[in-house]
Amino acid sequence: MTEIITILNQKGGCGKTTTAVNLSAALASMGKNVLVIDMDPQANATTSLGIKKNEIDNTIYTLLTGKCSYVDAIVETPTPNLYAIASNISLSGAEVELSKEIGYPYILEEKLERDMVDFDYIFIDAPPSLGILTLNALVVSDSVLIPIQSEFYALEGMADLIKTINLVQTRLKSECPIKGIILTLYDSRTKLAREVSENVEEFFKDTEYIFKEKIPRNVKLAEAPSHGQPGVVYDPECAGSKSYIQLAKEFLKLNGDEINV
């Protein structure tokens, strides 16, 4: 059974796309069949997966607007077991177009034909906003992962994010519980990072799982997209890549899934 997971935080610079790309690639390296759907008009996930966004005819935009099928939108990435539905600048106007459609929060759900292509996991890299594209991602998802940067304003806007998730659950009748919280850009040497970690644990103490593995601030992870590769492929021995591999193992254990390495 395929699990669809949205990776979401409306605050930019939190490592959302880095997490979507590297967690997916790490799981693919463990033999899981993984699809990444790039729902962000910036298309950073598309570039990071080694796809030339301006050379792709079928994207998430053409899928949402009914100009191609789900299967036709899927492309292979250079990483074995890892596939993508790409994005490009054309998606930037999608919110206006989709808002005119009846039942616009359900368009992605209608387009995804879960039984036609078999994936273990589908990760959706949602845009850093709480608009129509994000609503579509949440409606179709089984769960949500929230990356939170270890910086001063880490929890700013988190109440709005939780409110949006609750809105989808109650008004749109779609289950999308928060699966877990991932601390990113973490530097254990600083007092601030430790304080943020404590604040996050306090904020989410009653309901959500907080991953034990914290993703460090890492130069190689930042370099990797310019080479069209996930960090775990570009430099599997760097601290950031090793951390995402550990995160993938923790993710699979949380899911009760088999770890093949």
C-alpha atoms as a PDB file:
ATOM      1  CA  MET A   1       0.000   0.000   0.000  1.00  0.00           C
ATOM      2  CA  THR A   2       1.488   3.305  -1.106  1.00  0.00           C
ATOM      3  CA  GLU A   3       1.799   5.982   1.576  1.00  0.00           C
ATOM      4  CA  ILE A   4       1.588   9.614   0.427  1.00  0.00           C
ATOM      5  CA  ILE A   5       3.403  12.086   2.647  1.00  0.00           C
ATOM      6  CA  THR A   6       3.509  15.871   2.314  1.00  0.00           C
ATOM      7  CA  ILE A   7       6.632  17.647   3.531  1.00  0.00           C
ATOM      8  CA  LEU A   8       5.416  21.045   4.641  1.00  0.00           C
ATOM      9  CA  ASN A   9       6.412  24.258   6.331  1.00  0.00           C
ATOM     10  CA  GLN A  10       5.210  27.647   5.125  1.00  0.00           C
ATOM     11  CA  LYS A  11       8.407  29.222   6.436  1.00  0.00           C
ATOM     12  CA  GLY A  12      11.122  29.279   3.780  1.00  0.00           C
ATOM     13  CA  GLY A  13      14.689  28.206   4.456  1.00  0.00           C
ATOM     14  CA  CYS A  14      13.763  25.383   6.819  1.00  0.00           C
ATOM     15  CA  GLY A  15      15.253  22.561   4.733  1.00  0.00           C
ATOM     16  CA  LYS A  16      11.889  21.419   3.361  1.00  0.00           C
ATOM     17  CA  THR A  17      13.072  20.633  -0.167  1.00  0.00           C
ATOM     18  CA  THR A  18      16.428  19.322   1.055  1.00  0.00           C
ATOM     19  CA  THR A  19      14.538  16.907   3.282  1.00  0.00           C
ATOM     20  CA  ALA A  20      12.114  15.855   0.539  1.00  0.00           C
ATOM     21  CA  VAL A  21      14.954  15.108  -1.878  1.00  0.00           C
ATOM     22  CA  ASN A  22      17.416  13.467   0.508  1.00  0.00           C
ATOM     23  CA  LEU A  23      14.957  11.418   2.542  1.00  0.00           C
ATOM     24  CA  SER A  24      13.500  10.112  -0.725  1.00  0.00           C
ATOM     25  CA  ALA A  25      16.934   9.319  -2.152  1.00  0.00           C
ATOM     26  CA  ALA A  26      18.013   7.623   1.083  1.00  0.00           C
ATOM     27  CA  LEU A  27      14.909   5.415   1.042  1.00  0.00           C
ATOM     28  CA  ALA A  28      15.526   4.632  -2.638  1.00  0.00           C
ATOM     29  CA  SER A  29      19.068   3.530  -1.753  1.00  0.00           C
ATOM     30  CA  MET A  30      17.477   1.067   0.681  1.00  0.00           C
ATOM     31  CA  GLY A  31      15.481  -0.543  -2.098  1.00  0.00           C
ATOM     32  CA  LYS A  32      12.239   1.391  -1.687  1.00  0.00           C
ATOM     33  CA  ASN A  33      10.387   2.524  -4.792  1.00  0.00           C
ATOM     34  CA  VAL A  34       9.881   6.266  -4.232  1.00  0.00           C
ATOM     35  CA  LEU A  35       8.160   9.086  -6.109  1.00  0.00           C
ATOM     36  CA  VAL A  36       8.727  12.782  -5.413  1.00  0.00           C
ATOM     37  CA  ILE A  37       6.018  15.212  -6.525  1.00  0.00           C
ATOM     38  CA  ASP A  38       7.351  18.749  -6.803  1.00  0.00           C
ATOM     39  CA  MET A  39       4.424  21.044  -5.969  1.00  0.00           C
ATOM     40  CA  ASP A  40       6.599  24.140  -5.575  1.00  0.00           C
ATOM     41  CA  PRO A  41       6.722  26.608  -8.528  1.00  0.00           C
ATOM     42  CA  GLN A  42      10.376  27.279  -7.653  1.00  0.00           C
ATOM     43  CA  ALA A  43      11.037  23.682  -8.790  1.00  0.00           C
ATOM     44  CA  ASN A  44      14.056  23.266  -6.528  1.00  0.00           C
ATOM     45  CA  ALA A  45      13.282  19.609  -5.883  1.00  0.00           C
ATOM     46  CA  THR A  46      13.129  19.001  -9.637  1.00  0.00           C
ATOM     47  CA  THR A  47      16.590  20.516 -10.128  1.00  0.00           C
ATOM     48  CA  SER A  48      18.014  18.688  -7.106  1.00  0.00           C
ATOM     49  CA  LEU A  49      16.867  15.373  -8.557  1.00  0.00           C
ATOM     50  CA  GLY A  50      18.820  15.961 -11.767  1.00  0.00           C
ATOM     51  CA  ILE A  51      15.856  16.883 -14.000  1.00  0.00           C
ATOM     52  CA  LYS A  52      16.147  19.793 -16.434  1.00  0.00           C
ATOM     53  CA  LYS A  53      12.921  21.572 -15.596  1.00  0.00           C
ATOM     54  CA  ASN A  54      12.756  23.605 -18.810  1.00  0.00           C
ATOM     55  CA  GLU A  55      13.074  20.496 -20.991  1.00  0.00           C
ATOM     56  CA  ILE A  56      10.142  18.572 -19.465  1.00  0.00           C
ATOM     57  CA  ASP A  57       6.819  18.597 -21.310  1.00  0.00           C
ATOM     58  CA  ASN A  58       4.696  16.843 -18.691  1.00  0.00           C
ATOM     59  CA  THR A  59       4.856  18.365 -15.215  1.00  0.00           C
ATOM     60  CA  ILE A  60       2.680  18.665 -12.132  1.00  0.00           C
ATOM     61  CA  TYR A  61       1.083  21.684 -13.846  1.00  0.00           C
ATOM     62  CA  THR A  62       0.022  19.723 -16.923  1.00  0.00           C
ATOM     63  CA  LEU A  63      -1.246  16.945 -14.658  1.00  0.00           C
ATOM     64  CA  LEU A  64      -3.338  19.314 -12.516  1.00  0.00           C
ATOM     65  CA  THR A  65      -4.786  21.040 -15.563  1.00  0.00           C
ATOM     66  CA  GLY A  66      -5.707  17.750 -17.252  1.00  0.00           C
ATOM     67  CA  LYS A  67      -3.219  17.997 -20.120  1.00  0.00           C
ATOM     68  CA  CYS A  68      -1.484  14.706 -19.295  1.00  0.00           C
ATOM     69  CA  SER A  69      -2.088  11.559 -17.252  1.00  0.00           C
ATOM     70  CA  TYR A  70      -0.495  10.605 -13.944  1.00  0.00           C
ATOM     71  CA  VAL A  71       1.594   7.888 -15.591  1.00  0.00           C
ATOM     72  CA  ASP A  72       2.779  10.207 -18.377  1.00  0.00           C
ATOM     73  CA  ALA A  73       3.868  12.813 -15.822  1.00  0.00           C
ATOM     74  CA  ILE A  74       6.258  10.436 -14.054  1.00  0.00           C
ATOM     75  CA  VAL A  75       9.930  10.602 -15.048  1.00  0.00           C
ATOM     76  CA  GLU A  76      12.911   8.556 -13.915  1.00  0.00           C
ATOM     77  CA  THR A  77      15.664  10.361 -12.083  1.00  0.00           C
ATOM     78  CA  PRO A  78      19.356   9.387 -12.366  1.00  0.00           C
ATOM     79  CA  THR A  79      19.041   7.803  -8.895  1.00  0.00           C
ATOM     80  CA  PRO A  80      17.888   4.150  -9.018  1.00  0.00           C
ATOM     81  CA  ASN A  81      14.389   3.505  -7.585  1.00  0.00           C
ATOM     82  CA  LEU A  82      13.685   7.239  -7.446  1.00  0.00           C
ATOM     83  CA  TYR A  83      11.089   8.881  -9.710  1.00  0.00           C
ATOM     84  CA  ALA A  84       9.555  12.343  -9.930  1.00  0.00           C
ATOM     85  CA  ILE A  85       6.704  14.432 -11.192  1.00  0.00           C
ATOM     86  CA  ALA A  86       8.565  17.608 -12.039  1.00  0.00           C
ATOM     87  CA  SER A  87       7.687  21.261 -11.672  1.00  0.00           C
ATOM     88  CA  ASN A  88       8.660  24.447 -13.486  1.00  0.00           C
ATOM     89  CA  ILE A  89       7.661  28.106 -13.658  1.00  0.00           C
ATOM     90  CA  SER A  90       4.338  27.270 -15.352  1.00  0.00           C
ATOM     91  CA  LEU A  91       3.047  26.127 -11.958  1.00  0.00           C
ATOM     92  CA  SER A  92       3.217  29.714 -10.659  1.00  0.00           C
ATOM     93  CA  GLY A  93      -0.120  30.539 -12.295  1.00  0.00           C
ATOM     94  CA  ALA A  94      -1.848  27.331 -11.282  1.00  0.00           C
ATOM     95  CA  GLU A  95      -3.440  28.678  -8.112  1.00  0.00           C
ATOM     96  CA  VAL A  96      -5.494  31.212 -10.077  1.00  0.00           C
ATOM     97  CA  GLU A  97      -6.542  28.593 -12.631  1.00  0.00           C
ATOM     98  CA  LEU A  98      -7.405  25.945 -10.057  1.00  0.00           C
ATOM     99  CA  SER A  99      -9.411  28.378  -7.925  1.00  0.00           C
ATOM    100  CA  LYS A 100     -11.985  28.552 -10.727  1.00  0.00           C
ATOM    101  CA  GLU A 101     -12.573  24.797 -10.644  1.00  0.00           C
ATOM    102  CA  ILE A 102     -15.374  23.240  -8.598  1.00  0.00           C
ATOM    103  CA  GLY A 103     -13.890  21.161  -5.780  1.00  0.00           C
ATOM    104  CA  TYR A 104     -10.431  22.606  -6.348  1.00  0.00           C
ATOM    105  CA  PRO A 105      -8.887  21.121  -3.155  1.00  0.00           C
ATOM    106  CA  TYR A 106      -9.493  17.617  -4.566  1.00  0.00           C
ATOM    107  CA  ILE A 107      -7.939  18.002  -8.029  1.00  0.00           C
ATOM    108  CA  LEU A 108      -4.631  16.270  -7.202  1.00  0.00           C
ATOM    109  CA  GLU A 109      -6.479  13.470  -5.433  1.00  0.00           C
ATOM    110  CA  GLU A 110      -8.546  12.889  -8.571  1.00  0.00           C
ATOM    111  CA  LYS A 111      -5.464  12.865 -10.799  1.00  0.00           C
ATOM    112  CA  LEU A 112      -3.343  10.429  -8.779  1.00  0.00           C
ATOM    113  CA  GLU A 113      -4.163   6.908  -9.872  1.00  0.00           C
ATOM    114  CA  ARG A 114      -2.637   5.024  -6.958  1.00  0.00           C
ATOM    115  CA  ASP A 115      -3.144   1.568  -8.431  1.00  0.00           C
ATOM    116  CA  MET A 116      -1.528   2.266 -11.804  1.00  0.00           C
ATOM    117  CA  VAL A 117       2.071   2.670 -10.636  1.00  0.00           C
ATOM    118  CA  ASP A 118       3.391   0.893  -7.575  1.00  0.00           C
ATOM    119  CA  PHE A 119       5.416   3.032  -5.154  1.00  0.00           C
ATOM    120  CA  ASP A 120       6.262   2.342  -1.534  1.00  0.00           C
ATOM    121  CA  TYR A 121       6.259   6.045  -0.739  1.00  0.00           C
ATOM    122  CA  ILE A 122       5.187   9.229  -2.495  1.00  0.00           C
ATOM    123  CA  PHE A 123       6.612  12.452  -1.045  1.00  0.00           C
ATOM    124  CA  ILE A 124       5.080  15.795  -1.976  1.00  0.00           C
ATOM    125  CA  ASP A 125       7.334  18.833  -1.683  1.00  0.00           C
ATOM    126  CA  ALA A 126       4.698  21.466  -0.920  1.00  0.00           C
ATOM    127  CA  PRO A 127       5.253  25.183  -1.589  1.00  0.00           C
ATOM    128  CA  PRO A 128       6.206  27.474   1.329  1.00  0.00           C
ATOM    129  CA  SER A 129       2.669  28.835   1.625  1.00  0.00           C
ATOM    130  CA  LEU A 130      -0.780  27.701   2.744  1.00  0.00           C
ATOM    131  CA  GLY A 131      -2.573  28.220  -0.574  1.00  0.00           C
ATOM    132  CA  ILE A 132      -4.448  26.020  -3.042  1.00  0.00           C
ATOM    133  CA  LEU A 133      -1.447  23.912  -4.052  1.00  0.00           C
ATOM    134  CA  THR A 134      -0.745  23.096  -0.414  1.00  0.00           C
ATOM    135  CA  LEU A 135      -4.409  22.259   0.194  1.00  0.00           C
ATOM    136  CA  ASN A 136      -4.301  19.802  -2.714  1.00  0.00           C
ATOM    137  CA  ALA A 137      -1.178  18.192  -1.275  1.00  0.00           C
ATOM    138  CA  LEU A 138      -2.722  17.834   2.185  1.00  0.00           C
ATOM    139  CA  VAL A 139      -6.032  16.432   0.915  1.00  0.00           C
ATOM    140  CA  VAL A 140      -4.339  13.620  -0.983  1.00  0.00           C
ATOM    141  CA  SER A 141      -1.824  12.819   1.771  1.00  0.00           C
ATOM    142  CA  ASP A 142      -1.902  10.105   4.387  1.00  0.00           C
ATOM    143  CA  SER A 143       0.386  12.096   6.673  1.00  0.00           C
ATOM    144  CA  VAL A 144       2.616  15.160   7.016  1.00  0.00           C
ATOM    145  CA  LEU A 145       6.266  15.673   7.895  1.00  0.00           C
ATOM    146  CA  ILE A 146       7.278  19.095   9.200  1.00  0.00           C
ATOM    147  CA  PRO A 147      10.949  20.151   9.028  1.00  0.00           C
ATOM    148  CA  ILE A 148      11.773  22.913  11.499  1.00  0.00           C
ATOM    149  CA  GLN A 149      15.038  24.819  11.392  1.00  0.00           C
ATOM    150  CA  SER A 150      17.013  25.201  14.597  1.00  0.00           C
ATOM    151  CA  GLU A 151      16.838  28.989  14.581  1.00  0.00           C
ATOM    152  CA  PHE A 152      15.209  31.754  16.609  1.00  0.00           C
ATOM    153  CA  TYR A 153      11.954  32.020  14.647  1.00  0.00           C
ATOM    154  CA  ALA A 154      11.530  28.252  14.271  1.00  0.00           C
ATOM    155  CA  LEU A 155       8.007  28.043  15.710  1.00  0.00           C
ATOM    156  CA  GLU A 156       6.772  31.304  14.182  1.00  0.00           C
ATOM    157  CA  GLY A 157       3.678  30.608  12.102  1.00  0.00           C
ATOM    158  CA  MET A 158       3.390  27.057  13.396  1.00  0.00           C
ATOM    159  CA  ALA A 159      -0.067  27.765  14.842  1.00  0.00           C
ATOM    160  CA  ASP A 160      -1.297  28.755  11.359  1.00  0.00           C
ATOM    161  CA  LEU A 161       0.195  25.597   9.891  1.00  0.00           C
ATOM    162  CA  ILE A 162      -1.512  23.389  12.480  1.00  0.00           C
ATOM    163  CA  LYS A 163      -4.773  25.271  11.911  1.00  0.00           C
ATOM    164  CA  THR A 164      -4.575  24.568   8.159  1.00  0.00           C
ATOM    165  CA  ILE A 165      -3.931  20.871   8.749  1.00  0.00           C
ATOM    166  CA  ASN A 166      -6.878  20.716  11.140  1.00  0.00           C
ATOM    167  CA  LEU A 167      -9.041  22.533   8.583  1.00  0.00           C
ATOM    168  CA  VAL A 168      -8.257  19.882   5.979  1.00  0.00           C
ATOM    169  CA  GLN A 169      -9.071  17.133   8.462  1.00  0.00           C
ATOM    170  CA  THR A 170     -12.392  18.578   9.607  1.00  0.00           C
ATOM    171  CA  ARG A 171     -13.895  20.587   6.751  1.00  0.00           C
ATOM    172  CA  LEU A 172     -12.451  18.663   3.812  1.00  0.00           C
ATOM    173  CA  LYS A 173     -12.829  15.286   5.536  1.00  0.00           C
ATOM    174  CA  SER A 174      -9.306  14.157   4.712  1.00  0.00           C
ATOM    175  CA  GLU A 175      -7.029  12.454   7.212  1.00  0.00           C
ATOM    176  CA  CYS A 176      -3.536  13.925   7.135  1.00  0.00           C
ATOM    177  CA  PRO A 177      -2.067  13.580  10.627  1.00  0.00           C
ATOM    178  CA  ILE A 178       1.365  14.939  11.416  1.00  0.00           C
ATOM    179  CA  LYS A 179       3.660  11.943  11.165  1.00  0.00           C
ATOM    180  CA  GLY A 180       6.688  13.639  12.637  1.00  0.00           C
ATOM    181  CA  ILE A 181       8.815  16.722  13.229  1.00  0.00           C
ATOM    182  CA  ILE A 182      12.348  16.916  11.818  1.00  0.00           C
ATOM    183  CA  LEU A 183      14.878  19.376  13.237  1.00  0.00           C
ATOM    184  CA  THR A 184      17.102  20.757  10.470  1.00  0.00           C
ATOM    185  CA  LEU A 185      20.112  23.084  10.175  1.00  0.00           C
ATOM    186  CA  TYR A 186      21.077  21.862  13.631  1.00  0.00           C
ATOM    187  CA  ASP A 187      24.366  22.824  15.280  1.00  0.00           C
ATOM    188  CA  SER A 188      24.759  21.055  18.604  1.00  0.00           C
ATOM    189  CA  ARG A 189      27.621  23.391  19.538  1.00  0.00           C
ATOM    190  CA  THR A 190      25.271  26.349  19.950  1.00  0.00           C
ATOM    191  CA  LYS A 191      23.064  27.092  22.895  1.00  0.00           C
ATOM    192  CA  LEU A 192      20.382  28.446  20.545  1.00  0.00           C
ATOM    193  CA  ALA A 193      20.024  25.132  18.678  1.00  0.00           C
ATOM    194  CA  ARG A 194      19.608  23.261  21.961  1.00  0.00           C
ATOM    195  CA  GLU A 195      17.023  25.787  23.178  1.00  0.00           C
ATOM    196  CA  VAL A 196      15.072  25.529  19.921  1.00  0.00           C
ATOM    197  CA  SER A 197      15.111  21.752  20.216  1.00  0.00           C
ATOM    198  CA  GLU A 198      13.672  22.023  23.720  1.00  0.00           C
ATOM    199  CA  ASN A 199      11.011  24.491  22.531  1.00  0.00           C
ATOM    200  CA  VAL A 200       9.982  22.184  19.680  1.00  0.00           C
ATOM    201  CA  GLU A 201       9.722  19.235  22.047  1.00  0.00           C
ATOM    202  CA  GLU A 202       7.547  21.298  24.382  1.00  0.00           C
ATOM    203  CA  PHE A 203       5.329  22.627  21.568  1.00  0.00           C
ATOM    204  CA  PHE A 204       4.638  19.167  20.128  1.00  0.00           C
ATOM    205  CA  LYS A 205       4.893  17.123  23.322  1.00  0.00           C
ATOM    206  CA  ASP A 206       1.314  15.836  23.396  1.00  0.00           C
ATOM    207  CA  THR A 207       0.658  14.698  19.867  1.00  0.00           C
ATOM    208  CA  GLU A 208       3.450  14.284  17.360  1.00  0.00           C
ATOM    209  CA  TYR A 209       6.586  12.194  16.995  1.00  0.00           C
ATOM    210  CA  ILE A 210       9.857  14.137  16.982  1.00  0.00           C
ATOM    211  CA  PHE A 211      12.604  12.361  15.092  1.00  0.00           C
ATOM    212  CA  LYS A 212      15.674  11.680  17.177  1.00  0.00           C
ATOM    213  CA  GLU A 213      17.961  12.250  14.189  1.00  0.00           C
ATOM    214  CA  LYS A 214      18.678  15.956  13.751  1.00  0.00           C
ATOM    215  CA  ILE A 215      19.900  17.174  10.360  1.00  0.00           C
ATOM    216  CA  PRO A 216      23.061  19.286  10.665  1.00  0.00           C
ATOM    217  CA  ARG A 217      23.890  22.431   8.735  1.00  0.00           C
ATOM    218  CA  ASN A 218      26.162  21.033   6.017  1.00  0.00           C
ATOM    219  CA  VAL A 219      28.029  22.570   3.067  1.00  0.00           C
ATOM    220  CA  LYS A 220      27.877  19.437   0.903  1.00  0.00           C
ATOM    221  CA  LEU A 221      24.074  19.284   1.189  1.00  0.00           C
ATOM    222  CA  ALA A 222      23.956  22.912   0.036  1.00  0.00           C
ATOM    223  CA  GLU A 223      26.316  22.210  -2.885  1.00  0.00           C
ATOM    224  CA  ALA A 224      24.542  19.102  -4.156  1.00  0.00           C
ATOM    225  CA  PRO A 225      21.590  20.794  -5.997  1.00  0.00           C
ATOM    226  CA  SER A 226      23.998  22.732  -8.239  1.00  0.00           C
ATOM    227  CA  HIS A 227      25.269  19.339  -9.410  1.00  0.00           C
ATOM    228  CA  GLY A 228      21.758  18.014  -9.992  1.00  0.00           C
ATOM    229  CA  GLN A 229      22.069  15.374  -7.296  1.00  0.00           C
ATOM    230  CA  PRO A 230      20.639  14.651  -3.850  1.00  0.00           C
ATOM    231  CA  GLY A 231      23.252  15.150  -1.165  1.00  0.00           C
ATOM    232  CA  VAL A 232      23.190  11.446  -0.276  1.00  0.00           C
ATOM    233  CA  VAL A 233      24.305  10.730  -3.865  1.00  0.00           C
ATOM    234  CA  TYR A 234      26.654  13.689  -4.346  1.00  0.00           C
ATOM    235  CA  ASP A 235      28.651  12.960  -1.190  1.00  0.00           C
ATOM    236  CA  PRO A 236      27.320   9.970   0.761  1.00  0.00           C
ATOM    237  CA  GLU A 237      30.108  10.280   3.336  1.00  0.00           C
ATOM    238  CA  CYS A 238      29.434  13.853   4.437  1.00  0.00           C
ATOM    239  CA  ALA A 239      27.787  14.475   7.802  1.00  0.00           C
ATOM    240  CA  GLY A 240      24.534  15.700   6.242  1.00  0.00           C
ATOM    241  CA  SER A 241      24.142  12.630   4.030  1.00  0.00           C
ATOM    242  CA  LYS A 242      24.876  10.253   6.887  1.00  0.00           C
ATOM    243  CA  SER A 243      22.252  12.064   8.933  1.00  0.00           C
ATOM    244  CA  TYR A 244      19.608  11.647   6.202  1.00  0.00           C
ATOM    245  CA  ILE A 245      20.462   7.950   5.935  1.00  0.00           C
ATOM    246  CA  GLN A 246      19.883   7.611   9.681  1.00  0.00           C
ATOM    247  CA  LEU A 247      16.664   9.600   9.355  1.00  0.00           C
ATOM    248  CA  ALA A 248      15.477   7.203   6.640  1.00  0.00           C
ATOM    249  CA  LYS A 249      16.174   4.231   8.904  1.00  0.00           C
ATOM    250  CA  GLU A 250      14.285   5.899  11.756  1.00  0.00           C
ATOM    251  CA  PHE A 251      11.424   6.684   9.358  1.00  0.00           C
ATOM    252  CA  LEU A 252      11.183   3.044   8.256  1.00  0.00           C
ATOM    253  CA  LYS A 253      11.305   1.834  11.854  1.00  0.00           C
ATOM    254  CA  LEU A 254       8.501   4.260  12.746  1.00  0.00           C
ATOM    255  CA  ASN A 255       6.500   2.823   9.842  1.00  0.00           C
ATOM    256  CA  GLY A 256       7.227  -0.757  10.821  1.00  0.00           C
ATOM    257  CA  ASP A 257       8.834  -1.178   7.407  1.00  0.00           C
ATOM    258  CA  GLU A 258      11.742  -3.422   6.509  1.00  0.00           C
ATOM    259  CA  ILE A 259      15.176  -1.829   6.305  1.00  0.00           C
ATOM    260  CA  ASN A 260      17.285  -3.111   3.405  1.00  0.00           C
ATOM    261  CA  VAL A 261      20.839  -1.770   3.330  1.00  0.00           C
END
